[in-house]
PDB file of N, CA and C in Angstrom:
ATOM      1  N   MET A   1      43.049  37.075  19.830  1.00  0.00           N
ATOM      2  CA  MET A   1      43.181  36.159  20.963  1.00  0.00           C
ATOM      3  C   MET A   1      41.537  35.768  21.476  1.00  0.00           C
ATOM      4  N   LYS A   2      41.563  35.208  21.122  1.00  0.00           N
ATOM      5  CA  LYS A   2      39.702  34.703  20.961  1.00  0.00           C
ATOM      6  C   LYS A   2      40.679  32.640  20.919  1.00  0.00           C
ATOM      7  N   HIS A   3      41.063  33.032  20.272  1.00  0.00           N
ATOM      8  CA  HIS A   3      42.041  31.493  20.688  1.00  0.00           C
ATOM      9  C   HIS A   3      42.658  31.145  21.840  1.00  0.00           C
ATOM     10  N   VAL A   4      42.868  32.113  21.759  1.00  0.00           N
ATOM     11  CA  VAL A   4      43.887  32.140  23.608  1.00  0.00           C
ATOM     12  C   VAL A   4      42.996  31.938  24.858  1.00  0.00           C
ATOM     13  N   THR A   5      41.928  33.145  24.262  1.00  0.00           N
ATOM     14  CA  THR A   5      40.923  33.219  25.248  1.00  0.00           C
ATOM     15  C   THR A   5      39.973  31.788  25.572  1.00  0.00           C
ATOM     16  N   GLY A   6      39.821  31.157  24.527  1.00  0.00           N
ATOM     17  CA  GLY A   6      39.674  29.252  24.462  1.00  0.00           C
ATOM     18  C   GLY A   6      40.582  28.819  25.312  1.00  0.00           C
ATOM     19  N   ILE A   7      41.507  28.336  25.206  1.00  0.00           N
ATOM     20  CA  ILE A   7      41.959  27.925  26.344  1.00  0.00           C
ATOM     21  C   ILE A   7      42.402  28.634  27.748  1.00  0.00           C
ATOM     22  N   ALA A   8      42.115  29.180  27.682  1.00  0.00           N
ATOM     23  CA  ALA A   8      42.267  29.660  29.315  1.00  0.00           C
ATOM     24  C   ALA A   8      41.259  29.542  29.127  1.00  0.00           C
ATOM     25  N   ILE A   9      39.691  29.393  28.705  1.00  0.00           N
ATOM     26  CA  ILE A   9      38.557  28.992  30.097  1.00  0.00           C
ATOM     27  C   ILE A   9      38.023  27.461  30.420  1.00  0.00           C
ATOM     28  N   GLN A  10      39.378  26.691  28.853  1.00  0.00           N
ATOM     29  CA  GLN A  10      39.005  24.871  29.235  1.00  0.00           C
ATOM     30  C   GLN A  10      40.210  25.379  30.507  1.00  0.00           C
ATOM     31  N   LEU A  11      40.620  25.585  30.609  1.00  0.00           N
ATOM     32  CA  LEU A  11      41.513  25.710  31.485  1.00  0.00           C
ATOM     33  C   LEU A  11      40.921  26.067  33.508  1.00  0.00           C
ATOM     34  N   ALA A  12      40.242  27.111  33.026  1.00  0.00           N
ATOM     35  CA  ALA A  12      39.388  27.254  34.465  1.00  0.00           C
ATOM     36  C   ALA A  12      38.876  26.329  34.168  1.00  0.00           C
ATOM     37  N   GLU A  13      37.621  25.419  33.793  1.00  0.00           N
ATOM     38  CA  GLU A  13      36.551  24.738  33.658  1.00  0.00           C
ATOM     39  C   GLU A  13      37.549  23.681  34.798  1.00  0.00           C
ATOM     40  N   GLY A  14      38.414  23.589  34.017  1.00  0.00           N
ATOM     41  CA  GLY A  14      39.171  21.847  34.555  1.00  0.00           C
ATOM     42  C   GLY A  14      39.977  22.759  35.715  1.00  0.00           C
ATOM     43  N   LEU A  15      39.900  23.523  35.978  1.00  0.00           N
ATOM     44  CA  LEU A  15      40.729  23.789  37.686  1.00  0.00           C
ATOM     45  C   LEU A  15      39.210  23.739  38.313  1.00  0.00           C
ATOM     46  N   LYS A  16      38.567  24.777  38.403  1.00  0.00           N
ATOM     47  CA  LYS A  16      36.759  24.094  38.337  1.00  0.00           C
ATOM     48  C   LYS A  16      36.747  22.611  39.260  1.00  0.00           C
ATOM     49  N   TYR A  17      36.885  21.755  38.023  1.00  0.00           N
ATOM     50  CA  TYR A  17      36.094  20.737  38.473  1.00  0.00           C
ATOM     51  C   TYR A  17      37.246  19.486  38.923  1.00  0.00           C
ATOM     52  N   ILE A  18      37.958  20.192  38.832  1.00  0.00           N
ATOM     53  CA  ILE A  18      39.438  19.644  40.171  1.00  0.00           C
ATOM     54  C   ILE A  18      38.163  19.641  41.789  1.00  0.00           C
ATOM     55  N   HIS A  19      38.945  21.162  41.478  1.00  0.00           N
ATOM     56  CA  HIS A  19      38.317  21.659  42.716  1.00  0.00           C
ATOM     57  C   HIS A  19      36.827  20.857  43.716  1.00  0.00           C
ATOM     58  N   SER A  20      36.020  21.098  42.578  1.00  0.00           N
ATOM     59  CA  SER A  20      34.443  20.520  42.663  1.00  0.00           C
ATOM     60  C   SER A  20      34.254  19.375  43.046  1.00  0.00           C
ATOM     61  N   LYS A  21      35.251  17.950  43.255  1.00  0.00           N
ATOM     62  CA  LYS A  21      35.600  17.382  43.493  1.00  0.00           C
ATOM     63  C   LYS A  21      36.106  16.721  44.658  1.00  0.00           C
ATOM     64  N   GLY A  22      37.492  18.178  45.664  1.00  0.00           N
ATOM     65  CA  GLY A  22      37.454  18.272  46.820  1.00  0.00           C
ATOM     66  C   GLY A  22      38.964  18.234  46.783  1.00  0.00           C
ATOM     67  N   TYR A  23      40.072  18.832  45.997  1.00  0.00           N
ATOM     68  CA  TYR A  23      41.501  18.668  45.447  1.00  0.00           C
ATOM     69  C   TYR A  23      41.866  19.615  44.922  1.00  0.00           C
ATOM     70  N   LEU A  24      43.425  20.086  44.768  1.00  0.00           N
ATOM     71  CA  LEU A  24      43.923  20.359  44.936  1.00  0.00           C
ATOM     72  C   LEU A  24      45.515  19.788  43.604  1.00  0.00           C
ATOM     73  N   HIS A  25      45.529  20.648  42.587  1.00  0.00           N
ATOM     74  CA  HIS A  25      46.662  19.051  41.673  1.00  0.00           C
ATOM     75  C   HIS A  25      47.995  20.603  42.349  1.00  0.00           C
ATOM     76  N   ARG A  26      48.552  21.624  42.849  1.00  0.00           N
ATOM     77  CA  ARG A  26      49.611  21.602  43.424  1.00  0.00           C
ATOM     78  C   ARG A  26      50.916  21.730  42.425  1.00  0.00           C
ATOM     79  N   ASP A  27      50.684  21.091  41.246  1.00  0.00           N
ATOM     80  CA  ASP A  27      52.324  21.728  40.738  1.00  0.00           C
ATOM     81  C   ASP A  27      51.158  22.666  39.158  1.00  0.00           C
ATOM     82  N   LEU A  28      50.906  22.916  39.104  1.00  0.00           N
ATOM     83  CA  LEU A  28      50.118  23.944  37.747  1.00  0.00           C
ATOM     84  C   LEU A  28      51.524  24.633  37.412  1.00  0.00           C
ATOM     85  N   LYS A  29      51.875  24.655  36.458  1.00  0.00           N
ATOM     86  CA  LYS A  29      52.765  25.246  34.638  1.00  0.00           C
ATOM     87  C   LYS A  29      52.147  24.883  33.813  1.00  0.00           C
ATOM     88  N   LEU A  30      53.279  25.942  33.208  1.00  0.00           N
ATOM     89  CA  LEU A  30      53.409  25.506  31.316  1.00  0.00           C
ATOM     90  C   LEU A  30      53.636  23.461  31.289  1.00  0.00           C
ATOM     91  N   GLU A  31      54.135  23.218  31.292  1.00  0.00           N
ATOM     92  CA  GLU A  31      54.529  21.705  31.163  1.00  0.00           C
ATOM     93  C   GLU A  31      53.671  21.416  31.581  1.00  0.00           C
ATOM     94  N   ASN A  32      52.524  21.416  32.938  1.00  0.00           N
ATOM     95  CA  ASN A  32      51.808  19.857  32.954  1.00  0.00           C
ATOM     96  C   ASN A  32      50.656  20.920  31.961  1.00  0.00           C
ATOM     97  N   ILE A  33      49.747  21.688  31.112  1.00  0.00           N
ATOM     98  CA  ILE A  33      48.876  22.247  30.356  1.00  0.00           C
ATOM     99  C   ILE A  33      49.107  21.615  29.173  1.00  0.00           C
ATOM    100  N   LEU A  34      48.675  20.558  28.567  1.00  0.00           N
ATOM    101  CA  LEU A  34      48.535  19.705  27.685  1.00  0.00           C
ATOM    102  C   LEU A  34      47.009  20.449  26.205  1.00  0.00           C
ATOM    103  N   VAL A  35      48.243  20.754  24.983  1.00  0.00           N
ATOM    104  CA  VAL A  35      46.645  20.916  24.228  1.00  0.00           C
ATOM    105  C   VAL A  35      46.848  20.299  23.385  1.00  0.00           C
ATOM    106  N   SER A  36      45.898  19.599  22.678  1.00  0.00           N
ATOM    107  CA  SER A  36      45.999  18.366  22.307  1.00  0.00           C
ATOM    108  C   SER A  36      45.452  18.570  20.574  1.00  0.00           C
ATOM    109  N   GLU A  37      45.463  18.662  19.626  1.00  0.00           N
ATOM    110  CA  GLU A  37      45.002  18.171  18.292  1.00  0.00           C
ATOM    111  C   GLU A  37      42.909  19.242  18.433  1.00  0.00           C
ATOM    112  N   GLY A  38      43.390  19.977  17.994  1.00  0.00           N
ATOM    113  CA  GLY A  38      41.876  20.324  18.007  1.00  0.00           C
ATOM    114  C   GLY A  38      41.604  21.407  19.229  1.00  0.00           C
ATOM    115  N   ASP A  39      42.380  21.887  19.923  1.00  0.00           N
ATOM    116  CA  ASP A  39      42.476  22.884  20.724  1.00  0.00           C
ATOM    117  C   ASP A  39      41.857  22.289  22.090  1.00  0.00           C
ATOM    118  N   VAL A  40      41.887  20.789  22.279  1.00  0.00           N
ATOM    119  CA  VAL A  40      41.250  20.665  23.654  1.00  0.00           C
ATOM    120  C   VAL A  40      42.727  20.237  24.543  1.00  0.00           C
ATOM    121  N   VAL A  41      42.325  20.802  26.034  1.00  0.00           N
ATOM    122  CA  VAL A  41      43.521  21.500  27.040  1.00  0.00           C
ATOM    123  C   VAL A  41      43.265  20.081  28.084  1.00  0.00           C
ATOM    124  N   LYS A  42      43.932  19.950  28.542  1.00  0.00           N
ATOM    125  CA  LYS A  42      43.641  18.728  28.905  1.00  0.00           C
ATOM    126  C   LYS A  42      45.255  19.201  30.523  1.00  0.00           C
ATOM    127  N   LEU A  43      44.851  18.521  31.842  1.00  0.00           N
ATOM    128  CA  LEU A  43      45.813  18.726  32.409  1.00  0.00           C
ATOM    129  C   LEU A  43      46.350  17.526  32.759  1.00  0.00           C
ATOM    130  N   GLY A  44      47.623  17.812  33.492  1.00  0.00           N
ATOM    131  CA  GLY A  44      48.145  16.190  33.101  1.00  0.00           C
ATOM    132  C   GLY A  44      49.608  17.325  34.133  1.00  0.00           C
ATOM    133  N   ASP A  45      50.068  15.136  35.042  1.00  0.00           N
ATOM    134  CA  ASP A  45      51.360  15.639  35.992  1.00  0.00           C
ATOM    135  C   ASP A  45      50.328  15.964  37.926  1.00  0.00           C
ATOM    136  N   VAL A  46      48.937  15.054  37.750  1.00  0.00           N
ATOM    137  CA  VAL A  46      48.417  15.090  38.654  1.00  0.00           C
ATOM    138  C   VAL A  46      49.062  14.134  40.123  1.00  0.00           C
ATOM    139  N   GLY A  47      50.466  14.034  39.786  1.00  0.00           N
ATOM    140  CA  GLY A  47      50.948  12.893  40.850  1.00  0.00           C
ATOM    141  C   GLY A  47      51.052  13.805  42.199  1.00  0.00           C
ATOM    142  N   LEU A  48      50.841  14.709  42.716  1.00  0.00           N
ATOM    143  CA  LEU A  48      51.059  16.072  43.589  1.00  0.00           C
ATOM    144  C   LEU A  48      49.627  16.390  44.483  1.00  0.00           C
ATOM    145  N   SER A  49      48.986  16.133  42.755  1.00  0.00           N
ATOM    146  CA  SER A  49      47.478  16.464  44.141  1.00  0.00           C
ATOM    147  C   SER A  49      46.982  15.661  44.942  1.00  0.00           C
ATOM    148  N   LYS A  50      46.062  16.233  46.140  1.00  0.00           N
ATOM    149  CA  LYS A  50      45.612  16.229  46.842  1.00  0.00           C
ATOM    150  C   LYS A  50      44.582  16.905  47.471  1.00  0.00           C
ATOM    151  N   ALA A  51      43.772  15.998  48.186  1.00  0.00           N
ATOM    152  CA  ALA A  51      42.427  16.572  48.871  1.00  0.00           C
ATOM    153  C   ALA A  51      42.194  18.234  49.840  1.00  0.00           C
ATOM    154  N   GLU A  52      41.470  18.685  49.649  1.00  0.00           N
ATOM    155  CA  GLU A  52      41.803  19.489  50.659  1.00  0.00           C
ATOM    156  C   GLU A  52      41.836  19.696  51.714  1.00  0.00           C
ATOM    157  N   ASP A  53      41.387  18.656  51.994  1.00  0.00           N
ATOM    158  CA  ASP A  53      41.249  18.498  53.866  1.00  0.00           C
ATOM    159  C   ASP A  53      42.945  17.117  54.407  1.00  0.00           C
ATOM    160  N   GLU A  54      43.497  17.061  52.998  1.00  0.00           N
ATOM    161  CA  GLU A  54      44.681  16.690  53.316  1.00  0.00           C
ATOM    162  C   GLU A  54      46.192  17.350  53.581  1.00  0.00           C
ATOM    163  N   VAL A  55      46.591  18.951  52.663  1.00  0.00           N
ATOM    164  CA  VAL A  55      46.533  19.684  52.343  1.00  0.00           C
ATOM    165  C   VAL A  55      47.446  20.270  53.959  1.00  0.00           C
ATOM    166  N   THR A  56      48.115  19.445  53.748  1.00  0.00           N
ATOM    167  CA  THR A  56      49.414  19.907  55.084  1.00  0.00           C
ATOM    168  C   THR A  56      50.192  21.613  54.935  1.00  0.00           C
ATOM    169  N   GLY A  57      50.554  21.638  54.270  1.00  0.00           N
ATOM    170  CA  GLY A  57      51.467  22.839  53.899  1.00  0.00           C
ATOM    171  C   GLY A  57      52.673  22.412  53.986  1.00  0.00           C
ATOM    172  N   THR A  58      52.507  21.028  53.018  1.00  0.00           N
ATOM    173  CA  THR A  58      53.926  20.675  52.905  1.00  0.00           C
ATOM    174  C   THR A  58      54.205  21.810  51.321  1.00  0.00           C
ATOM    175  N   GLN A  59      56.385  22.612  51.461  1.00  0.00           N
ATOM    176  CA  GLN A  59      55.804  22.856  50.318  1.00  0.00           C
ATOM    177  C   GLN A  59      56.349  21.299  48.900  1.00  0.00           C
ATOM    178  N   CYS A  60      55.585  22.058  48.071  1.00  0.00           N
ATOM    179  CA  CYS A  60      55.580  20.766  46.819  1.00  0.00           C
ATOM    180  C   CYS A  60      55.575  21.089  45.071  1.00  0.00           C
ATOM    181  N   GLY A  61      55.897  21.469  44.436  1.00  0.00           N
ATOM    182  CA  GLY A  61      55.003  21.536  43.360  1.00  0.00           C
ATOM    183  C   GLY A  61      56.863  21.659  42.675  1.00  0.00           C
ATOM    184  N   THR A  62      56.733  22.723  41.758  1.00  0.00           N
ATOM    185  CA  THR A  62      57.754  23.893  40.739  1.00  0.00           C
ATOM    186  C   THR A  62      58.141  24.698  41.875  1.00  0.00           C
ATOM    187  N   ARG A  63      59.144  25.367  42.432  1.00  0.00           N
ATOM    188  CA  ARG A  63      59.481  26.614  43.068  1.00  0.00           C
ATOM    189  C   ARG A  63      59.685  28.152  42.364  1.00  0.00           C
ATOM    190  N   LEU A  64      59.497  27.545  41.013  1.00  0.00           N
ATOM    191  CA  LEU A  64      59.801  29.107  40.335  1.00  0.00           C
ATOM    192  C   LEU A  64      58.371  29.270  40.104  1.00  0.00           C
ATOM    193  N   TYR A  65      57.520  28.375  40.348  1.00  0.00           N
ATOM    194  CA  TYR A  65      55.778  28.836  40.123  1.00  0.00           C
ATOM    195  C   TYR A  65      54.765  29.148  40.796  1.00  0.00           C
ATOM    196  N   ALA A  66      55.933  28.551  42.304  1.00  0.00           N
ATOM    197  CA  ALA A  66      55.400  29.036  43.553  1.00  0.00           C
ATOM    198  C   ALA A  66      54.893  30.447  43.631  1.00  0.00           C
ATOM    199  N   ALA A  67      53.312  31.120  44.396  1.00  0.00           N
ATOM    200  CA  ALA A  67      53.748  32.281  44.897  1.00  0.00           C
ATOM    201  C   ALA A  67      53.902  33.175  46.266  1.00  0.00           C
ATOM    202  N   PRO A  68      55.196  34.453  46.078  1.00  0.00           N
ATOM    203  CA  PRO A  68      55.660  34.651  47.086  1.00  0.00           C
ATOM    204  C   PRO A  68      55.877  34.094  48.248  1.00  0.00           C
ATOM    205  N   GLU A  69      54.227  34.324  48.725  1.00  0.00           N
ATOM    206  CA  GLU A  69      52.599  34.270  50.264  1.00  0.00           C
ATOM    207  C   GLU A  69      53.751  32.680  50.630  1.00  0.00           C
ATOM    208  N   VAL A  70      54.002  31.966  49.528  1.00  0.00           N
ATOM    209  CA  VAL A  70      54.395  30.000  49.796  1.00  0.00           C
ATOM    210  C   VAL A  70      55.696  30.573  50.638  1.00  0.00           C
ATOM    211  N   PHE A  71      56.636  31.453  50.930  1.00  0.00           N
ATOM    212  CA  PHE A  71      58.304  31.688  51.307  1.00  0.00           C
ATOM    213  C   PHE A  71      57.747  32.385  51.687  1.00  0.00           C
ATOM    214  N   PRO A  72      57.366  32.675  53.514  1.00  0.00           N
ATOM    215  CA  PRO A  72      57.549  33.662  54.148  1.00  0.00           C
ATOM    216  C   PRO A  72      58.467  33.847  55.058  1.00  0.00           C
ATOM    217  N   ASP A  73      59.672  32.808  54.943  1.00  0.00           N
ATOM    218  CA  ASP A  73      60.980  33.201  55.466  1.00  0.00           C
ATOM    219  C   ASP A  73      62.269  33.976  54.800  1.00  0.00           C
ATOM    220  N   GLN A  74      61.064  33.764  53.140  1.00  0.00           N
ATOM    221  CA  GLN A  74      63.097  35.162  52.910  1.00  0.00           C
ATOM    222  C   GLN A  74      62.225  36.246  52.227  1.00  0.00           C
ATOM    223  N   LYS A  75      62.882  37.052  52.728  1.00  0.00           N
ATOM    224  CA  LYS A  75      62.744  38.224  52.388  1.00  0.00           C
ATOM    225  C   LYS A  75      62.336  39.655  50.901  1.00  0.00           C
ATOM    226  N   GLN A  76      61.938  39.770  50.485  1.00  0.00           N
ATOM    227  CA  GLN A  76      61.599  40.082  49.277  1.00  0.00           C
ATOM    228  C   GLN A  76      62.162  41.969  48.898  1.00  0.00           C
TER     229      GLN A  76
END
């Protein structure tokens, strides 16, 4: 459990850093979370990242990982 907790904390800190700079990742999924030797977490595939004030609501990223509220036109 300590191992997983350490990875989760690093992931949260990485996202916090990106957000502190005014950016959103916009494609966070397992494939984009890299763990190197020594269990150092790195966020990959930042190609869809955008500044917070430039986000227009355009759907992007991987649909399978999107929150249900992103697709309001679909019936639950």
